[in-house]
Amino acid sequence: MVKIKLVKKGGIKPIKPFKTLEEEANFWDTHSAVDEINEGTLVGFHQAKKSDTITIRIDKKNLQRLRENAFQKGIGPTTLARMWLLEKLQTVA
């Protein structure tokens, strides 16, 4: 496990909450998430603790159908497959 030391020096200031979705959209149309990051700014990330994985074989036709369905929902195919699997498990449990 990696230990991280928090450093306050030169930190990035949080953005004030937006009043409307339109205000937020306008802000992000004119700003970048990396505007405040310059040389010397420490940037960290959080990696979620993931559970175990399984491999499922699926034929090309059904994999394409899964990808198309996922694309229509704006999510990845593995996310959609996991959602469907959990929904099914809830109905049989």
PDB file of N, CA and C in Angstrom:
ATOM      1  N   MET A   1       0.844  -1.186   0.000  1.00  0.00           N
ATOM      2  CA  MET A   1       0.000   0.000   0.000  1.00  0.00           C
ATOM      3  C   MET A   1       0.880   1.238   0.000  1.00  0.00           C
ATOM      4  N   VAL A   2       0.534   2.208  -0.812  1.00  0.00           N
ATOM      5  CA  VAL A   2       1.292   3.447  -0.908  1.00  0.00           C
ATOM      6  C   VAL A   2       0.716   4.449   0.073  1.00  0.00           C
ATOM      7  N   LYS A   3       1.584   5.070   0.831  1.00  0.00           N
ATOM      8  CA  LYS A   3       1.136   6.119   1.746  1.00  0.00           C
ATOM      9  C   LYS A   3       1.298   7.464   1.060  1.00  0.00           C
ATOM     10  N   ILE A   4       0.309   8.307   1.216  1.00  0.00           N
ATOM     11  CA  ILE A   4       0.317   9.617   0.573  1.00  0.00           C
ATOM     12  C   ILE A   4       0.361  10.692   1.643  1.00  0.00           C
ATOM     13  N   LYS A   5       1.237  11.646   1.448  1.00  0.00           N
ATOM     14  CA  LYS A   5       1.332  12.772   2.362  1.00  0.00           C
ATOM     15  C   LYS A   5       0.595  13.947   1.742  1.00  0.00           C
ATOM     16  N   LEU A   6      -0.354  14.493   2.454  1.00  0.00           N
ATOM     17  CA  LEU A   6      -1.099  15.649   1.953  1.00  0.00           C
ATOM     18  C   LEU A   6      -0.268  16.909   2.127  1.00  0.00           C
ATOM     19  N   VAL A   7      -0.198  17.715   1.100  1.00  0.00           N
ATOM     20  CA  VAL A   7       0.573  18.949   1.124  1.00  0.00           C
ATOM     21  C   VAL A   7      -0.360  20.102   0.816  1.00  0.00           C
ATOM     22  N   LYS A   8      -0.410  21.090   1.665  1.00  0.00           N
ATOM     23  CA  LYS A   8      -1.291  22.242   1.463  1.00  0.00           C
ATOM     24  C   LYS A   8      -0.662  23.302   0.563  1.00  0.00           C
ATOM     25  N   LYS A   9       0.665  23.368   0.509  1.00  0.00           N
ATOM     26  CA  LYS A   9       1.378  24.395  -0.234  1.00  0.00           C
ATOM     27  C   LYS A   9       1.037  24.343  -1.729  1.00  0.00           C
ATOM     28  N   GLY A  10       0.577  25.456  -2.268  1.00  0.00           N
ATOM     29  CA  GLY A  10       0.321  25.543  -3.705  1.00  0.00           C
ATOM     30  C   GLY A  10      -0.839  24.698  -4.187  1.00  0.00           C
ATOM     31  N   GLY A  11      -1.806  24.439  -3.328  1.00  0.00           N
ATOM     32  CA  GLY A  11      -2.938  23.604  -3.703  1.00  0.00           C
ATOM     33  C   GLY A  11      -3.863  24.291  -4.690  1.00  0.00           C
ATOM     34  N   ILE A  12      -4.734  23.529  -5.276  1.00  0.00           N
ATOM     35  CA  ILE A  12      -5.715  24.046  -6.230  1.00  0.00           C
ATOM     36  C   ILE A  12      -6.952  24.480  -5.461  1.00  0.00           C
ATOM     37  N   LYS A  13      -7.431  25.686  -5.743  1.00  0.00           N
ATOM     38  CA  LYS A  13      -8.611  26.206  -5.054  1.00  0.00           C
ATOM     39  C   LYS A  13      -9.870  25.582  -5.649  1.00  0.00           C
ATOM     40  N   PRO A  14     -10.833  25.193  -4.804  1.00  0.00           N
ATOM     41  CA  PRO A  14     -12.066  24.598  -5.330  1.00  0.00           C
ATOM     42  C   PRO A  14     -12.910  25.625  -6.081  1.00  0.00           C
ATOM     43  N   ILE A  15     -13.698  25.136  -7.013  1.00  0.00           N
ATOM     44  CA  ILE A  15     -14.607  25.983  -7.784  1.00  0.00           C
ATOM     45  C   ILE A  15     -15.868  26.195  -6.956  1.00  0.00           C
ATOM     46  N   LYS A  16     -16.365  27.427  -6.952  1.00  0.00           N
ATOM     47  CA  LYS A  16     -17.604  27.718  -6.233  1.00  0.00           C
ATOM     48  C   LYS A  16     -18.755  26.942  -6.871  1.00  0.00           C
ATOM     49  N   PRO A  17     -19.731  26.489  -6.081  1.00  0.00           N
ATOM     50  CA  PRO A  17     -20.873  25.752  -6.648  1.00  0.00           C
ATOM     51  C   PRO A  17     -21.637  26.589  -7.676  1.00  0.00           C
ATOM     52  N   PHE A  18     -22.091  25.929  -8.713  1.00  0.00           N
ATOM     53  CA  PHE A  18     -22.845  26.610  -9.761  1.00  0.00           C
ATOM     54  C   PHE A  18     -24.311  26.709  -9.354  1.00  0.00           C
ATOM     55  N   LYS A  19     -24.969  27.784  -9.778  1.00  0.00           N
ATOM     56  CA  LYS A  19     -26.377  27.990  -9.456  1.00  0.00           C
ATOM     57  C   LYS A  19     -27.291  27.232 -10.412  1.00  0.00           C
ATOM     58  N   THR A  20     -26.849  27.095 -11.673  1.00  0.00           N
ATOM     59  CA  THR A  20     -27.674  26.403 -12.671  1.00  0.00           C
ATOM     60  C   THR A  20     -26.790  25.512 -13.530  1.00  0.00           C
ATOM     61  N   LEU A  21     -27.422  24.596 -14.215  1.00  0.00           N
ATOM     62  CA  LEU A  21     -26.716  23.724 -15.141  1.00  0.00           C
ATOM     63  C   LEU A  21     -26.144  24.541 -16.304  1.00  0.00           C
ATOM     64  N   GLU A  22     -26.880  25.543 -16.735  1.00  0.00           N
ATOM     65  CA  GLU A  22     -26.424  26.409 -17.819  1.00  0.00           C
ATOM     66  C   GLU A  22     -25.164  27.171 -17.410  1.00  0.00           C
ATOM     67  N   GLU A  23     -25.133  27.655 -16.172  1.00  0.00           N
ATOM     68  CA  GLU A  23     -23.950  28.357 -15.669  1.00  0.00           C
ATOM     69  C   GLU A  23     -22.733  27.426 -15.659  1.00  0.00           C
ATOM     70  N   GLU A  24     -22.942  26.189 -15.245  1.00  0.00           N
ATOM     71  CA  GLU A  24     -21.849  25.217 -15.231  1.00  0.00           C
ATOM     72  C   GLU A  24     -21.377  24.905 -16.653  1.00  0.00           C
ATOM     73  N   ALA A  25     -22.314  24.716 -17.569  1.00  0.00           N
ATOM     74  CA  ALA A  25     -21.966  24.427 -18.962  1.00  0.00           C
ATOM     75  C   ALA A  25     -21.150  25.570 -19.561  1.00  0.00           C
ATOM     76  N   ASN A  26     -21.568  26.804 -19.298  1.00  0.00           N
ATOM     77  CA  ASN A  26     -20.831  27.971 -19.803  1.00  0.00           C
ATOM     78  C   ASN A  26     -19.423  28.023 -19.221  1.00  0.00           C
ATOM     79  N   PHE A  27     -19.299  27.700 -17.945  1.00  0.00           N
ATOM     80  CA  PHE A  27     -17.980  27.699 -17.308  1.00  0.00           C
ATOM     81  C   PHE A  27     -17.053  26.701 -17.980  1.00  0.00           C
ATOM     82  N   TRP A  28     -17.527  25.462 -18.159  1.00  0.00           N
ATOM     83  CA  TRP A  28     -16.670  24.424 -18.729  1.00  0.00           C
ATOM     84  C   TRP A  28     -16.437  24.625 -20.225  1.00  0.00           C
ATOM     85  N   ASP A  29     -17.283  25.402 -20.894  1.00  0.00           N
ATOM     86  CA  ASP A  29     -17.039  25.743 -22.299  1.00  0.00           C
ATOM     87  C   ASP A  29     -15.851  26.703 -22.436  1.00  0.00           C
ATOM     88  N   THR A  30     -15.563  27.444 -21.371  1.00  0.00           N
ATOM     89  CA  THR A  30     -14.495  28.447 -21.434  1.00  0.00           C
ATOM     90  C   THR A  30     -13.316  28.132 -20.521  1.00  0.00           C
ATOM     91  N   HIS A  31     -13.355  27.025 -19.804  1.00  0.00           N
ATOM     92  CA  HIS A  31     -12.275  26.652 -18.889  1.00  0.00           C
ATOM     93  C   HIS A  31     -11.868  25.198 -19.122  1.00  0.00           C
ATOM     94  N   SER A  32     -10.714  24.856 -18.623  1.00  0.00           N
ATOM     95  CA  SER A  32     -10.216  23.493 -18.707  1.00  0.00           C
ATOM     96  C   SER A  32      -9.974  22.977 -17.298  1.00  0.00           C
ATOM     97  N   ALA A  33     -10.120  21.689 -17.118  1.00  0.00           N
ATOM     98  CA  ALA A  33      -9.888  21.090 -15.805  1.00  0.00           C
ATOM     99  C   ALA A  33      -8.428  21.211 -15.384  1.00  0.00           C
ATOM    100  N   VAL A  34      -7.561  21.485 -16.333  1.00  0.00           N
ATOM    101  CA  VAL A  34      -6.136  21.591 -16.020  1.00  0.00           C
ATOM    102  C   VAL A  34      -5.637  23.036 -15.980  1.00  0.00           C
ATOM    103  N   ASP A  35      -6.547  24.017 -16.028  1.00  0.00           N
ATOM    104  CA  ASP A  35      -6.143  25.429 -16.002  1.00  0.00           C
ATOM    105  C   ASP A  35      -5.285  25.773 -14.789  1.00  0.00           C
ATOM    106  N   GLU A  36      -5.606  25.216 -13.643  1.00  0.00           N
ATOM    107  CA  GLU A  36      -4.914  25.559 -12.410  1.00  0.00           C
ATOM    108  C   GLU A  36      -3.660  24.731 -12.171  1.00  0.00           C
ATOM    109  N   ILE A  37      -3.423  23.735 -13.016  1.00  0.00           N
ATOM    110  CA  ILE A  37      -2.278  22.858 -12.814  1.00  0.00           C
ATOM    111  C   ILE A  37      -1.092  23.409 -13.587  1.00  0.00           C
ATOM    112  N   ASN A  38      -0.021  23.697 -12.869  1.00  0.00           N
ATOM    113  CA  ASN A  38       1.193  24.168 -13.523  1.00  0.00           C
ATOM    114  C   ASN A  38       2.378  23.433 -12.911  1.00  0.00           C
ATOM    115  N   GLU A  39       3.551  23.754 -13.360  1.00  0.00           N
ATOM    116  CA  GLU A  39       4.735  23.067 -12.869  1.00  0.00           C
ATOM    117  C   GLU A  39       4.855  23.248 -11.363  1.00  0.00           C
ATOM    118  N   GLY A  40       5.050  22.164 -10.676  1.00  0.00           N
ATOM    119  CA  GLY A  40       5.186  22.211  -9.229  1.00  0.00           C
ATOM    120  C   GLY A  40       3.902  21.903  -8.473  1.00  0.00           C
ATOM    121  N   THR A  41       2.764  21.884  -9.157  1.00  0.00           N
ATOM    122  CA  THR A  41       1.500  21.559  -8.512  1.00  0.00           C
ATOM    123  C   THR A  41       1.413  20.046  -8.345  1.00  0.00           C
ATOM    124  N   LEU A  42       1.144  19.608  -7.131  1.00  0.00           N
ATOM    125  CA  LEU A  42       0.997  18.193  -6.873  1.00  0.00           C
ATOM    126  C   LEU A  42      -0.397  17.739  -7.270  1.00  0.00           C
ATOM    127  N   VAL A  43      -0.474  16.666  -8.014  1.00  0.00           N
ATOM    128  CA  VAL A  43      -1.751  16.131  -8.448  1.00  0.00           C
ATOM    129  C   VAL A  43      -1.824  14.684  -7.991  1.00  0.00           C
ATOM    130  N   GLY A  44      -2.916  14.328  -7.353  1.00  0.00           N
ATOM    131  CA  GLY A  44      -3.091  12.958  -6.893  1.00  0.00           C
ATOM    132  C   GLY A  44      -4.369  12.382  -7.444  1.00  0.00           C
ATOM    133  N   PHE A  45      -4.557  11.109  -7.247  1.00  0.00           N
ATOM    134  CA  PHE A  45      -5.786  10.475  -7.682  1.00  0.00           C
ATOM    135  C   PHE A  45      -6.151   9.386  -6.688  1.00  0.00           C
ATOM    136  N   HIS A  46      -7.410   9.010  -6.720  1.00  0.00           N
ATOM    137  CA  HIS A  46      -7.921   7.966  -5.843  1.00  0.00           C
ATOM    138  C   HIS A  46      -8.284   6.769  -6.704  1.00  0.00           C
ATOM    139  N   GLN A  47      -7.763   5.637  -6.346  1.00  0.00           N
ATOM    140  CA  GLN A  47      -8.103   4.423  -7.084  1.00  0.00           C
ATOM    141  C   GLN A  47      -9.062   3.612  -6.218  1.00  0.00           C
ATOM    142  N   ALA A  48     -10.233   3.360  -6.758  1.00  0.00           N
ATOM    143  CA  ALA A  48     -11.253   2.639  -6.008  1.00  0.00           C
ATOM    144  C   ALA A  48     -10.822   1.200  -5.758  1.00  0.00           C
ATOM    145  N   LYS A  49     -11.260   0.678  -4.631  1.00  0.00           N
ATOM    146  CA  LYS A  49     -11.006  -0.727  -4.335  1.00  0.00           C
ATOM    147  C   LYS A  49     -12.012  -1.548  -5.125  1.00  0.00           C
ATOM    148  N   LYS A  50     -11.510  -2.295  -6.074  1.00  0.00           N
ATOM    149  CA  LYS A  50     -12.402  -3.095  -6.911  1.00  0.00           C
ATOM    150  C   LYS A  50     -12.514  -4.495  -6.345  1.00  0.00           C
ATOM    151  N   SER A  51     -13.623  -5.117  -6.644  1.00  0.00           N
ATOM    152  CA  SER A  51     -13.848  -6.478  -6.189  1.00  0.00           C
ATOM    153  C   SER A  51     -13.211  -7.452  -7.174  1.00  0.00           C
ATOM    154  N   ASP A  52     -13.438  -8.717  -6.957  1.00  0.00           N
ATOM    155  CA  ASP A  52     -12.893  -9.739  -7.842  1.00  0.00           C
ATOM    156  C   ASP A  52     -13.468  -9.615  -9.242  1.00  0.00           C
ATOM    157  N   THR A  53     -12.791 -10.212 -10.187  1.00  0.00           N
ATOM    158  CA  THR A  53     -13.251 -10.177 -11.576  1.00  0.00           C
ATOM    159  C   THR A  53     -13.514 -11.594 -12.075  1.00  0.00           C
ATOM    160  N   ILE A  54     -14.364 -11.668 -13.104  1.00  0.00           N
ATOM    161  CA  ILE A  54     -14.607 -12.930 -13.791  1.00  0.00           C
ATOM    162  C   ILE A  54     -14.502 -12.671 -15.283  1.00  0.00           C
ATOM    163  N   THR A  55     -14.241 -13.708 -16.028  1.00  0.00           N
ATOM    164  CA  THR A  55     -14.198 -13.605 -17.484  1.00  0.00           C
ATOM    165  C   THR A  55     -15.387 -14.367 -18.044  1.00  0.00           C
ATOM    166  N   ILE A  56     -16.115 -13.720 -18.933  1.00  0.00           N
ATOM    167  CA  ILE A  56     -17.281 -14.348 -19.559  1.00  0.00           C
ATOM    168  C   ILE A  56     -17.062 -14.352 -21.062  1.00  0.00           C
ATOM    169  N   ARG A  57     -17.172 -15.510 -21.670  1.00  0.00           N
ATOM    170  CA  ARG A  57     -17.047 -15.594 -23.131  1.00  0.00           C
ATOM    171  C   ARG A  57     -18.408 -15.308 -23.754  1.00  0.00           C
ATOM    172  N   ILE A  58     -18.387 -14.550 -24.845  1.00  0.00           N
ATOM    173  CA  ILE A  58     -19.622 -14.184 -25.525  1.00  0.00           C
ATOM    174  C   ILE A  58     -19.326 -14.130 -27.026  1.00  0.00           C
ATOM    175  N   ASP A  59     -20.251 -14.622 -27.825  1.00  0.00           N
ATOM    176  CA  ASP A  59     -20.015 -14.637 -29.273  1.00  0.00           C
ATOM    177  C   ASP A  59     -20.032 -13.213 -29.831  1.00  0.00           C
ATOM    178  N   LYS A  60     -19.456 -13.048 -31.016  1.00  0.00           N
ATOM    179  CA  LYS A  60     -19.281 -11.724 -31.613  1.00  0.00           C
ATOM    180  C   LYS A  60     -20.602 -10.985 -31.817  1.00  0.00           C
ATOM    181  N   LYS A  61     -21.636 -11.717 -32.249  1.00  0.00           N
ATOM    182  CA  LYS A  61     -22.933 -11.085 -32.514  1.00  0.00           C
ATOM    183  C   LYS A  61     -23.507 -10.489 -31.228  1.00  0.00           C
ATOM    184  N   ASN A  62     -23.513 -11.257 -30.155  1.00  0.00           N
ATOM    185  CA  ASN A  62     -24.062 -10.753 -28.895  1.00  0.00           C
ATOM    186  C   ASN A  62     -23.168  -9.699 -28.259  1.00  0.00           C
ATOM    187  N   LEU A  63     -21.862  -9.794 -28.454  1.00  0.00           N
ATOM    188  CA  LEU A  63     -20.967  -8.759 -27.952  1.00  0.00           C
ATOM    189  C   LEU A  63     -21.252  -7.437 -28.658  1.00  0.00           C
ATOM    190  N   GLN A  64     -21.489  -7.491 -29.953  1.00  0.00           N
ATOM    191  CA  GLN A  64     -21.819  -6.272 -30.697  1.00  0.00           C
ATOM    192  C   GLN A  64     -23.143  -5.690 -30.211  1.00  0.00           C
ATOM    193  N   ARG A  65     -24.114  -6.536 -29.954  1.00  0.00           N
ATOM    194  CA  ARG A  65     -25.408  -6.069 -29.428  1.00  0.00           C
ATOM    195  C   ARG A  65     -25.219  -5.400 -28.069  1.00  0.00           C
ATOM    196  N   LEU A  66     -24.370  -6.004 -27.223  1.00  0.00           N
ATOM    197  CA  LEU A  66     -24.081  -5.437 -25.901  1.00  0.00           C
ATOM    198  C   LEU A  66     -23.423  -4.066 -26.051  1.00  0.00           C
ATOM    199  N   ARG A  67     -22.451  -3.968 -26.943  1.00  0.00           N
ATOM    200  CA  ARG A  67     -21.770  -2.691 -27.169  1.00  0.00           C
ATOM    201  C   ARG A  67     -22.733  -1.617 -27.670  1.00  0.00           C
ATOM    202  N   GLU A  68     -23.627  -1.990 -28.582  1.00  0.00           N
ATOM    203  CA  GLU A  68     -24.598  -1.028 -29.114  1.00  0.00           C
ATOM    204  C   GLU A  68     -25.546  -0.539 -28.025  1.00  0.00           C
ATOM    205  N   ASN A  69     -26.044  -1.476 -27.212  1.00  0.00           N
ATOM    206  CA  ASN A  69     -26.928  -1.098 -26.102  1.00  0.00           C
ATOM    207  C   ASN A  69     -26.208  -0.169 -25.127  1.00  0.00           C
ATOM    208  N   ALA A  70     -24.974  -0.496 -24.798  1.00  0.00           N
ATOM    209  CA  ALA A  70     -24.198   0.314 -23.864  1.00  0.00           C
ATOM    210  C   ALA A  70     -23.953   1.709 -24.426  1.00  0.00           C
ATOM    211  N   PHE A  71     -23.609   1.779 -25.711  1.00  0.00           N
ATOM    212  CA  PHE A  71     -23.364   3.061 -26.362  1.00  0.00           C
ATOM    213  C   PHE A  71     -24.612   3.945 -26.293  1.00  0.00           C
ATOM    214  N   GLN A  72     -25.785   3.364 -26.528  1.00  0.00           N
ATOM    215  CA  GLN A  72     -27.037   4.121 -26.476  1.00  0.00           C
ATOM    216  C   GLN A  72     -27.294   4.676 -25.075  1.00  0.00           C
ATOM    217  N   LYS A  73     -26.823   3.959 -24.059  1.00  0.00           N
ATOM    218  CA  LYS A  73     -27.017   4.397 -22.675  1.00  0.00           C
ATOM    219  C   LYS A  73     -25.883   5.295 -22.191  1.00  0.00           C
ATOM    220  N   GLY A  74     -24.829   5.444 -23.001  1.00  0.00           N
ATOM    221  CA  GLY A  74     -23.713   6.297 -22.636  1.00  0.00           C
ATOM    222  C   GLY A  74     -22.776   5.680 -21.608  1.00  0.00           C
ATOM    223  N   ILE A  75     -22.722   4.355 -21.574  1.00  0.00           N
ATOM    224  CA  ILE A  75     -21.847   3.655 -20.637  1.00  0.00           C
ATOM    225  C   ILE A  75     -21.037   2.602 -21.385  1.00  0.00           C
ATOM    226  N   GLY A  76     -20.077   2.017 -20.724  1.00  0.00           N
ATOM    227  CA  GLY A  76     -19.265   0.984 -21.336  1.00  0.00           C
ATOM    228  C   GLY A  76     -19.978  -0.361 -21.309  1.00  0.00           C
ATOM    229  N   PRO A  77     -19.593  -1.274 -22.206  1.00  0.00           N
ATOM    230  CA  PRO A  77     -20.244  -2.581 -22.266  1.00  0.00           C
ATOM    231  C   PRO A  77     -20.055  -3.419 -21.002  1.00  0.00           C
ATOM    232  N   THR A  78     -18.899  -3.308 -20.353  1.00  0.00           N
ATOM    233  CA  THR A  78     -18.717  -4.084 -19.123  1.00  0.00           C
ATOM    234  C   THR A  78     -19.599  -3.545 -17.997  1.00  0.00           C
ATOM    235  N   THR A  79     -19.791  -2.234 -17.962  1.00  0.00           N
ATOM    236  CA  THR A  79     -20.679  -1.639 -16.958  1.00  0.00           C
ATOM    237  C   THR A  79     -22.105  -2.120 -17.169  1.00  0.00           C
ATOM    238  N   LEU A  80     -22.560  -2.116 -18.417  1.00  0.00           N
ATOM    239  CA  LEU A  80     -23.915  -2.570 -18.719  1.00  0.00           C
ATOM    240  C   LEU A  80     -24.080  -4.048 -18.381  1.00  0.00           C
ATOM    241  N   ALA A  81     -23.100  -4.871 -18.750  1.00  0.00           N
ATOM    242  CA  ALA A  81     -23.178  -6.303 -18.449  1.00  0.00           C
ATOM    243  C   ALA A  81     -23.251  -6.523 -16.940  1.00  0.00           C
ATOM    244  N   ARG A  82     -22.447  -5.767 -16.178  1.00  0.00           N
ATOM    245  CA  ARG A  82     -22.469  -5.890 -14.714  1.00  0.00           C
ATOM    246  C   ARG A  82     -23.830  -5.467 -14.157  1.00  0.00           C
ATOM    247  N   MET A  83     -24.403  -4.376 -14.703  1.00  0.00           N
ATOM    248  CA  MET A  83     -25.720  -3.921 -14.254  1.00  0.00           C
ATOM    249  C   MET A  83     -26.774  -4.991 -14.498  1.00  0.00           C
ATOM    250  N   TRP A  84     -26.770  -5.570 -15.702  1.00  0.00           N
ATOM    251  CA  TRP A  84     -27.747  -6.603 -16.044  1.00  0.00           C
ATOM    252  C   TRP A  84     -27.575  -7.842 -15.166  1.00  0.00           C
ATOM    253  N   LEU A  85     -26.337  -8.229 -14.924  1.00  0.00           N
ATOM    254  CA  LEU A  85     -26.080  -9.397 -14.093  1.00  0.00           C
ATOM    255  C   LEU A  85     -26.579  -9.166 -12.669  1.00  0.00           C
ATOM    256  N   LEU A  86     -26.308  -7.986 -12.113  1.00  0.00           N
ATOM    257  CA  LEU A  86     -26.764  -7.686 -10.747  1.00  0.00           C
ATOM    258  C   LEU A  86     -28.286  -7.611 -10.677  1.00  0.00           C
ATOM    259  N   GLU A  87     -28.927  -7.054 -11.702  1.00  0.00           N
ATOM    260  CA  GLU A  87     -30.399  -7.008 -11.743  1.00  0.00           C
ATOM    261  C   GLU A  87     -30.977  -8.419 -11.726  1.00  0.00           C
ATOM    262  N   LYS A  88     -30.397  -9.304 -12.524  1.00  0.00           N
ATOM    263  CA  LYS A  88     -30.872 -10.693 -12.582  1.00  0.00           C
ATOM    264  C   LYS A  88     -30.657 -11.396 -11.249  1.00  0.00           C
ATOM    265  N   LEU A  89     -29.515 -11.180 -10.639  1.00  0.00           N
ATOM    266  CA  LEU A  89     -29.229 -11.818  -9.352  1.00  0.00           C
ATOM    267  C   LEU A  89     -30.213 -11.369  -8.268  1.00  0.00           C
ATOM    268  N   GLN A  90     -30.665 -10.123  -8.337  1.00  0.00           N
ATOM    269  CA  GLN A  90     -31.632  -9.624  -7.366  1.00  0.00           C
ATOM    270  C   GLN A  90     -32.994 -10.287  -7.531  1.00  0.00           C
ATOM    271  N   THR A  91     -33.356 -10.654  -8.759  1.00  0.00           N
ATOM    272  CA  THR A  91     -34.668 -11.260  -8.991  1.00  0.00           C
ATOM    273  C   THR A  91     -34.707 -12.722  -8.595  1.00  0.00           C
ATOM    274  N   VAL A  92     -33.550 -13.396  -8.622  1.00  0.00           N
ATOM    275  CA  VAL A  92     -33.529 -14.829  -8.284  1.00  0.00           C
ATOM    276  C   VAL A  92     -33.107 -15.073  -6.847  1.00  0.00           C
ATOM    277  N   ALA A  93     -32.583 -14.087  -6.183  1.00  0.00           N
ATOM    278  CA  ALA A  93     -32.102 -14.281  -4.805  1.00  0.00           C
ATOM    279  C   ALA A  93     -33.210 -14.218  -3.783  1.00  0.00           C
TER     280      ALA A  93
END
